């Protein structure tokens, strides 16, 4: 079955070459709690493109009604270039808060041509041969690779964060239709066991994330797309 799916995707995308397209996605943020799966906040993914340069940001936070239960916010920014259809990262930053306590606050500067990345806390990480992405721009790299290599069933990336550089494997599963606002959206399911992450990527919108499910510690979070705005 998977071979048939990948063959069809190959027919759809074989004539396309990857090029970053600006977009803005608004998501509802859910958490599995003792009271059930509750909508606790919102998140926005925003991709800006200027010639071959990109800035990709996320802004997730809980709504005031739920702050007593779980007061959380996370802002990420990834910057870099698209060169010959590949994502070349140059910068990544994260600010994460729980209540008034800052849990993460760091920046990473990436020098791909010199094979290292430097964190704002002074740590320097060696990059092995090949491209390097961060925990946000990996979505762009995955979208790129799924368009250009539709028959491939898994993708592995060097991914950098405050703990260093690690190899993460993303496995492409079968199709799954997602119902949003009474509209059925065709997606492909992708999993990353190391991150406890499951993605549903839209076939129509160049494999951009429609639903993101992530387990952090004992809590499972889900981001579900509610509005998508393509830009020109």
C-alpha atoms as a PDB file:
ATOM      1  CA  UNK A   1       0.000   0.000   0.000  1.00  0.00           C
ATOM      2  CA  UNK A   2       2.769   2.464   0.949  1.00  0.00           C
ATOM      3  CA  UNK A   3       4.518   1.874  -2.387  1.00  0.00           C
ATOM      4  CA  UNK A   4       1.314   2.804  -4.207  1.00  0.00           C
ATOM      5  CA  UNK A   5       0.945   5.961  -2.092  1.00  0.00           C
ATOM      6  CA  UNK A   6       4.519   7.073  -2.702  1.00  0.00           C
ATOM      7  CA  UNK A   7       4.155   6.365  -6.438  1.00  0.00           C
ATOM      8  CA  UNK A   8       1.079   8.602  -6.605  1.00  0.00           C
ATOM      9  CA  UNK A   9       2.825  11.340  -4.637  1.00  0.00           C
ATOM     10  CA  UNK A  10       5.741  11.015  -7.019  1.00  0.00           C
ATOM     11  CA  UNK A  11       3.435  11.677  -9.957  1.00  0.00           C
ATOM     12  CA  UNK A  12       1.965  14.709  -8.200  1.00  0.00           C
ATOM     13  CA  UNK A  13       5.246  16.357  -7.209  1.00  0.00           C
ATOM     14  CA  UNK A  14       7.783  15.089  -9.734  1.00  0.00           C
ATOM     15  CA  UNK A  15       7.435  18.224 -11.853  1.00  0.00           C
ATOM     16  CA  UNK A  16       7.873  20.551  -8.875  1.00  0.00           C
ATOM     17  CA  UNK A  17      11.081  21.973  -7.491  1.00  0.00           C
ATOM     18  CA  UNK A  18      11.134  23.000  -3.867  1.00  0.00           C
ATOM     19  CA  UNK A  19      10.904  26.675  -3.106  1.00  0.00           C
ATOM     20  CA  UNK A  20       9.963  28.174   0.228  1.00  0.00           C
ATOM     21  CA  UNK A  21       6.524  29.778   0.163  1.00  0.00           C
ATOM     22  CA  UNK A  22       5.557  32.229   2.928  1.00  0.00           C
ATOM     23  CA  UNK A  23       2.613  31.234   5.087  1.00  0.00           C
ATOM     24  CA  UNK A  24       1.003  31.768   8.468  1.00  0.00           C
ATOM     25  CA  UNK A  25      -0.738  28.988  10.355  1.00  0.00           C
ATOM     26  CA  UNK A  26      -2.883  29.482  13.464  1.00  0.00           C
ATOM     27  CA  UNK A  27      -3.356  26.499  15.765  1.00  0.00           C
ATOM     28  CA  UNK A  28      -5.393  25.522  18.787  1.00  0.00           C
ATOM     29  CA  UNK A  29      -3.227  24.081  21.566  1.00  0.00           C
ATOM     30  CA  UNK A  30      -4.608  21.106  23.514  1.00  0.00           C
ATOM     31  CA  UNK A  31      -3.270  19.254  26.563  1.00  0.00           C
ATOM     32  CA  UNK A  32      -4.292  15.895  27.943  1.00  0.00           C
ATOM     33  CA  UNK A  33      -5.160  16.468  31.604  1.00  0.00           C
ATOM     34  CA  UNK A  34      -6.974  14.623  34.385  1.00  0.00           C
ATOM     35  CA  UNK A  35     -10.084  16.485  33.169  1.00  0.00           C
ATOM     36  CA  UNK A  36      -9.672  15.249  29.604  1.00  0.00           C
ATOM     37  CA  UNK A  37      -8.196  16.678  26.424  1.00  0.00           C
ATOM     38  CA  UNK A  38      -8.628  20.433  26.891  1.00  0.00           C
ATOM     39  CA  UNK A  39      -7.981  23.421  24.636  1.00  0.00           C
ATOM     40  CA  UNK A  40      -5.604  25.472  26.757  1.00  0.00           C
ATOM     41  CA  UNK A  41      -4.156  27.983  24.332  1.00  0.00           C
ATOM     42  CA  UNK A  42      -3.041  28.966  20.848  1.00  0.00           C
ATOM     43  CA  UNK A  43       0.039  28.790  18.665  1.00  0.00           C
ATOM     44  CA  UNK A  44       1.158  30.543  15.491  1.00  0.00           C
ATOM     45  CA  UNK A  45       3.688  29.343  12.915  1.00  0.00           C
ATOM     46  CA  UNK A  46       4.863  32.103  10.588  1.00  0.00           C
ATOM     47  CA  UNK A  47       7.232  31.670   7.647  1.00  0.00           C
ATOM     48  CA  UNK A  48       8.617  34.821   6.013  1.00  0.00           C
ATOM     49  CA  UNK A  49      10.726  34.656   2.868  1.00  0.00           C
ATOM     50  CA  UNK A  50      12.797  37.405   1.256  1.00  0.00           C
ATOM     51  CA  UNK A  51      14.527  36.208  -1.916  1.00  0.00           C
ATOM     52  CA  UNK A  52      16.320  33.093  -0.674  1.00  0.00           C
ATOM     53  CA  UNK A  53      16.392  34.101   3.011  1.00  0.00           C
ATOM     54  CA  UNK A  54      13.832  32.790   5.482  1.00  0.00           C
ATOM     55  CA  UNK A  55      12.660  33.561   9.010  1.00  0.00           C
ATOM     56  CA  UNK A  56      10.479  30.892  10.618  1.00  0.00           C
ATOM     57  CA  UNK A  57       8.890  31.636  14.001  1.00  0.00           C
ATOM     58  CA  UNK A  58       6.524  30.010  16.482  1.00  0.00           C
ATOM     59  CA  UNK A  59       4.623  31.591  19.341  1.00  0.00           C
ATOM     60  CA  UNK A  60       2.705  29.236  21.652  1.00  0.00           C
ATOM     61  CA  UNK A  61       1.024  30.228  24.898  1.00  0.00           C
ATOM     62  CA  UNK A  62      -1.782  29.241  27.228  1.00  0.00           C
ATOM     63  CA  UNK A  63      -4.897  31.365  27.492  1.00  0.00           C
ATOM     64  CA  UNK A  64      -5.529  33.350  30.678  1.00  0.00           C
ATOM     65  CA  UNK A  65      -8.392  31.032  31.683  1.00  0.00           C
ATOM     66  CA  UNK A  66      -5.980  28.087  32.005  1.00  0.00           C
ATOM     67  CA  UNK A  67      -2.908  29.805  33.441  1.00  0.00           C
ATOM     68  CA  UNK A  68      -3.730  28.544  36.946  1.00  0.00           C
ATOM     69  CA  UNK A  69      -3.630  24.977  35.605  1.00  0.00           C
ATOM     70  CA  UNK A  70      -0.696  25.313  33.212  1.00  0.00           C
ATOM     71  CA  UNK A  71       0.944  28.674  32.547  1.00  0.00           C
ATOM     72  CA  UNK A  72       3.218  28.063  29.573  1.00  0.00           C
ATOM     73  CA  UNK A  73       4.758  30.023  26.711  1.00  0.00           C
ATOM     74  CA  UNK A  74       7.385  29.231  24.082  1.00  0.00           C
ATOM     75  CA  UNK A  75       8.800  31.453  21.343  1.00  0.00           C
ATOM     76  CA  UNK A  76      11.177  30.100  18.690  1.00  0.00           C
ATOM     77  CA  UNK A  77      12.956  31.743  15.777  1.00  0.00           C
ATOM     78  CA  UNK A  78      14.887  30.035  13.006  1.00  0.00           C
ATOM     79  CA  UNK A  79      16.750  31.906  10.274  1.00  0.00           C
ATOM     80  CA  UNK A  80      18.739  30.869   7.266  1.00  0.00           C
ATOM     81  CA  UNK A  81      18.841  30.516   3.506  1.00  0.00           C
ATOM     82  CA  UNK A  82      17.423  28.263   0.843  1.00  0.00           C
ATOM     83  CA  UNK A  83      20.261  27.246  -1.470  1.00  0.00           C
ATOM     84  CA  UNK A  84      19.624  24.943  -4.434  1.00  0.00           C
ATOM     85  CA  UNK A  85      16.457  23.691  -2.782  1.00  0.00           C
ATOM     86  CA  UNK A  86      18.146  22.947   0.551  1.00  0.00           C
ATOM     87  CA  UNK A  87      17.651  24.542   3.950  1.00  0.00           C
ATOM     88  CA  UNK A  88      20.849  26.154   5.298  1.00  0.00           C
ATOM     89  CA  UNK A  89      20.409  27.277   8.909  1.00  0.00           C
ATOM     90  CA  UNK A  90      22.354  30.210  10.345  1.00  0.00           C
ATOM     91  CA  UNK A  91      20.537  31.034  13.601  1.00  0.00           C
ATOM     92  CA  UNK A  92      18.090  29.569  16.126  1.00  0.00           C
ATOM     93  CA  UNK A  93      16.660  30.894  19.409  1.00  0.00           C
ATOM     94  CA  UNK A  94      14.233  29.666  22.071  1.00  0.00           C
ATOM     95  CA  UNK A  95      12.543  31.328  25.034  1.00  0.00           C
ATOM     96  CA  UNK A  96      10.376  29.019  27.131  1.00  0.00           C
ATOM     97  CA  UNK A  97       8.581  29.907  30.361  1.00  0.00           C
ATOM     98  CA  UNK A  98       6.460  28.001  32.859  1.00  0.00           C
ATOM     99  CA  UNK A  99       4.640  30.471  35.093  1.00  0.00           C
ATOM    100  CA  UNK A 100       7.231  33.184  35.757  1.00  0.00           C
ATOM    101  CA  UNK A 101      10.210  30.820  35.592  1.00  0.00           C
ATOM    102  CA  UNK A 102      12.394  30.818  32.484  1.00  0.00           C
ATOM    103  CA  UNK A 103      13.089  27.189  31.586  1.00  0.00           C
ATOM    104  CA  UNK A 104      14.965  27.800  28.349  1.00  0.00           C
ATOM    105  CA  UNK A 105      16.540  30.940  26.945  1.00  0.00           C
ATOM    106  CA  UNK A 106      19.320  30.463  24.416  1.00  0.00           C
ATOM    107  CA  UNK A 107      20.546  31.319  20.939  1.00  0.00           C
ATOM    108  CA  UNK A 108      22.582  29.217  18.533  1.00  0.00           C
ATOM    109  CA  UNK A 109      24.700  30.581  15.700  1.00  0.00           C
ATOM    110  CA  UNK A 110      25.436  28.021  12.996  1.00  0.00           C
ATOM    111  CA  UNK A 111      28.572  28.145  10.850  1.00  0.00           C
ATOM    112  CA  UNK A 112      27.869  25.320   8.415  1.00  0.00           C
ATOM    113  CA  UNK A 113      30.894  26.034   6.214  1.00  0.00           C
ATOM    114  CA  UNK A 114      33.159  25.832   9.293  1.00  0.00           C
ATOM    115  CA  UNK A 115      31.459  22.700  10.681  1.00  0.00           C
ATOM    116  CA  UNK A 116      30.441  24.074  14.062  1.00  0.00           C
ATOM    117  CA  UNK A 117      27.610  25.751  15.959  1.00  0.00           C
ATOM    118  CA  UNK A 118      27.990  28.051  18.971  1.00  0.00           C
ATOM    119  CA  UNK A 119      25.436  28.441  21.752  1.00  0.00           C
ATOM    120  CA  UNK A 120      24.908  31.691  23.655  1.00  0.00           C
ATOM    121  CA  UNK A 121      25.974  29.870  26.821  1.00  0.00           C
ATOM    122  CA  UNK A 122      29.445  29.399  25.293  1.00  0.00           C
ATOM    123  CA  UNK A 123      29.183  25.760  24.199  1.00  0.00           C
ATOM    124  CA  UNK A 124      30.550  24.886  20.775  1.00  0.00           C
ATOM    125  CA  UNK A 125      29.184  21.896  18.859  1.00  0.00           C
ATOM    126  CA  UNK A 126      30.866  20.056  16.006  1.00  0.00           C
ATOM    127  CA  UNK A 127      28.837  19.495  12.859  1.00  0.00           C
ATOM    128  CA  UNK A 128      29.457  16.273  10.941  1.00  0.00           C
ATOM    129  CA  UNK A 129      29.486  16.367   7.116  1.00  0.00           C
ATOM    130  CA  UNK A 130      26.057  17.261   5.797  1.00  0.00           C
ATOM    131  CA  UNK A 131      23.497  19.928   6.515  1.00  0.00           C
ATOM    132  CA  UNK A 132      22.350  20.974   9.966  1.00  0.00           C
ATOM    133  CA  UNK A 133      18.853  22.104  10.987  1.00  0.00           C
ATOM    134  CA  UNK A 134      17.263  23.079  14.291  1.00  0.00           C
ATOM    135  CA  UNK A 135      14.159  21.770  16.032  1.00  0.00           C
ATOM    136  CA  UNK A 136      11.977  24.260  14.124  1.00  0.00           C
ATOM    137  CA  UNK A 137      13.503  24.386  10.636  1.00  0.00           C
ATOM    138  CA  UNK A 138      13.471  20.581  10.532  1.00  0.00           C
ATOM    139  CA  UNK A 139       9.821  21.021   9.447  1.00  0.00           C
ATOM    140  CA  UNK A 140      11.008  22.948   6.388  1.00  0.00           C
ATOM    141  CA  UNK A 141      13.684  20.360   5.590  1.00  0.00           C
ATOM    142  CA  UNK A 142      11.150  17.546   5.963  1.00  0.00           C
ATOM    143  CA  UNK A 143       8.705  19.304   3.628  1.00  0.00           C
ATOM    144  CA  UNK A 144      11.508  19.804   1.119  1.00  0.00           C
ATOM    145  CA  UNK A 145      12.615  16.171   1.203  1.00  0.00           C
ATOM    146  CA  UNK A 146       9.123  14.716   1.006  1.00  0.00           C
ATOM    147  CA  UNK A 147       8.457  16.749  -2.155  1.00  0.00           C
ATOM    148  CA  UNK A 148      11.779  15.948  -3.809  1.00  0.00           C
ATOM    149  CA  UNK A 149      12.027  12.306  -2.635  1.00  0.00           C
ATOM    150  CA  UNK A 150       8.411  11.035  -2.546  1.00  0.00           C
ATOM    151  CA  UNK A 151       9.401   7.343  -2.581  1.00  0.00           C
ATOM    152  CA  UNK A 152      11.606   7.611   0.522  1.00  0.00           C
ATOM    153  CA  UNK A 153      10.112   6.202   3.723  1.00  0.00           C
ATOM    154  CA  UNK A 154      12.369   7.863   6.314  1.00  0.00           C
ATOM    155  CA  UNK A 155      14.619  10.905   6.650  1.00  0.00           C
ATOM    156  CA  UNK A 156      17.470  11.559   9.074  1.00  0.00           C
ATOM    157  CA  UNK A 157      18.755  15.005  10.037  1.00  0.00           C
ATOM    158  CA  UNK A 158      21.456  16.558  12.172  1.00  0.00           C
ATOM    159  CA  UNK A 159      19.417  18.665  14.601  1.00  0.00           C
ATOM    160  CA  UNK A 160      20.881  21.204  17.025  1.00  0.00           C
ATOM    161  CA  UNK A 161      19.474  22.515  20.299  1.00  0.00           C
ATOM    162  CA  UNK A 162      20.960  23.674  23.606  1.00  0.00           C
ATOM    163  CA  UNK A 163      22.168  20.139  24.381  1.00  0.00           C
ATOM    164  CA  UNK A 164      24.182  19.782  21.187  1.00  0.00           C
ATOM    165  CA  UNK A 165      23.843  18.065  17.822  1.00  0.00           C
ATOM    166  CA  UNK A 166      21.997  14.765  17.445  1.00  0.00           C
ATOM    167  CA  UNK A 167      20.718  12.624  14.595  1.00  0.00           C
ATOM    168  CA  UNK A 168      16.930  12.355  14.475  1.00  0.00           C
ATOM    169  CA  UNK A 169      15.019   9.954  12.253  1.00  0.00           C
ATOM    170  CA  UNK A 170      11.569  10.752  10.851  1.00  0.00           C
ATOM    171  CA  UNK A 171       9.507   7.825   9.561  1.00  0.00           C
ATOM    172  CA  UNK A 172       6.873   8.367   6.891  1.00  0.00           C
ATOM    173  CA  UNK A 173       3.696   6.370   7.484  1.00  0.00           C
ATOM    174  CA  UNK A 174       0.503   6.060   5.494  1.00  0.00           C
ATOM    175  CA  UNK A 175      -2.195   8.576   4.621  1.00  0.00           C
ATOM    176  CA  UNK A 176      -4.591   9.926   7.229  1.00  0.00           C
ATOM    177  CA  UNK A 177      -7.515  12.277   6.642  1.00  0.00           C
ATOM    178  CA  UNK A 178      -7.953  15.003   9.267  1.00  0.00           C
ATOM    179  CA  UNK A 179     -11.320  16.729   9.778  1.00  0.00           C
ATOM    180  CA  UNK A 180     -10.966  20.451  10.577  1.00  0.00           C
ATOM    181  CA  UNK A 181     -13.960  22.815  10.545  1.00  0.00           C
ATOM    182  CA  UNK A 182     -15.938  20.094   8.732  1.00  0.00           C
ATOM    183  CA  UNK A 183     -13.336  20.023   5.970  1.00  0.00           C
ATOM    184  CA  UNK A 184     -11.503  16.775   5.304  1.00  0.00           C
ATOM    185  CA  UNK A 185      -7.782  17.328   4.719  1.00  0.00           C
ATOM    186  CA  UNK A 186      -5.510  14.710   3.180  1.00  0.00           C
ATOM    187  CA  UNK A 187      -2.334  14.278   5.195  1.00  0.00           C
ATOM    188  CA  UNK A 188       0.648  11.983   5.519  1.00  0.00           C
ATOM    189  CA  UNK A 189       1.568  10.789   8.997  1.00  0.00           C
ATOM    190  CA  UNK A 190       5.209  11.165  10.088  1.00  0.00           C
ATOM    191  CA  UNK A 191       6.699  10.077  13.415  1.00  0.00           C
ATOM    192  CA  UNK A 192       9.930  10.778  15.299  1.00  0.00           C
ATOM    193  CA  UNK A 193      10.298   8.313  18.175  1.00  0.00           C
ATOM    194  CA  UNK A 194      13.248  10.152  19.753  1.00  0.00           C
ATOM    195  CA  UNK A 195      11.140  13.304  20.169  1.00  0.00           C
ATOM    196  CA  UNK A 196       7.895  11.450  20.948  1.00  0.00           C
ATOM    197  CA  UNK A 197       6.482  13.455  18.066  1.00  0.00           C
ATOM    198  CA  UNK A 198       3.757  12.692  15.524  1.00  0.00           C
ATOM    199  CA  UNK A 199       3.064  14.997  12.576  1.00  0.00           C
ATOM    200  CA  UNK A 200       0.233  15.118  10.074  1.00  0.00           C
ATOM    201  CA  UNK A 201       1.476  16.986   7.000  1.00  0.00           C
ATOM    202  CA  UNK A 202      -0.859  18.372   4.344  1.00  0.00           C
ATOM    203  CA  UNK A 203      -0.443  16.871   0.889  1.00  0.00           C
ATOM    204  CA  UNK A 204      -2.108  19.865  -0.771  1.00  0.00           C
ATOM    205  CA  UNK A 205      -0.057  22.507   1.062  1.00  0.00           C
ATOM    206  CA  UNK A 206       3.424  21.119   0.318  1.00  0.00           C
ATOM    207  CA  UNK A 207       3.525  18.984   3.481  1.00  0.00           C
ATOM    208  CA  UNK A 208       3.071  21.787   5.981  1.00  0.00           C
ATOM    209  CA  UNK A 209       1.973  20.633   9.470  1.00  0.00           C
ATOM    210  CA  UNK A 210      -1.780  20.286  10.001  1.00  0.00           C
ATOM    211  CA  UNK A 211      -1.539  18.564  13.365  1.00  0.00           C
ATOM    212  CA  UNK A 212       1.444  18.251  15.725  1.00  0.00           C
ATOM    213  CA  UNK A 213       1.306  15.824  18.658  1.00  0.00           C
ATOM    214  CA  UNK A 214       4.151  15.932  21.198  1.00  0.00           C
ATOM    215  CA  UNK A 215       4.682  14.252  24.553  1.00  0.00           C
ATOM    216  CA  UNK A 216       6.675  16.378  27.017  1.00  0.00           C
ATOM    217  CA  UNK A 217       7.341  14.463  30.200  1.00  0.00           C
ATOM    218  CA  UNK A 218       3.987  13.261  31.491  1.00  0.00           C
ATOM    219  CA  UNK A 219       1.882  15.633  29.391  1.00  0.00           C
ATOM    220  CA  UNK A 220       0.757  15.175  25.792  1.00  0.00           C
ATOM    221  CA  UNK A 221       0.195  18.315  23.729  1.00  0.00           C
ATOM    222  CA  UNK A 222      -1.562  18.630  20.380  1.00  0.00           C
ATOM    223  CA  UNK A 223      -1.533  21.584  17.986  1.00  0.00           C
ATOM    224  CA  UNK A 224      -4.377  21.514  15.442  1.00  0.00           C
ATOM    225  CA  UNK A 225      -4.561  23.931  12.520  1.00  0.00           C
ATOM    226  CA  UNK A 226      -7.577  26.241  12.541  1.00  0.00           C
ATOM    227  CA  UNK A 227      -6.533  28.786   9.916  1.00  0.00           C
ATOM    228  CA  UNK A 228      -3.993  28.810   7.106  1.00  0.00           C
ATOM    229  CA  UNK A 229      -2.927  31.917   5.220  1.00  0.00           C
ATOM    230  CA  UNK A 230      -0.694  31.547   2.193  1.00  0.00           C
ATOM    231  CA  UNK A 231       1.286  34.658   1.254  1.00  0.00           C
ATOM    232  CA  UNK A 232       2.750  36.013  -1.931  1.00  0.00           C
END
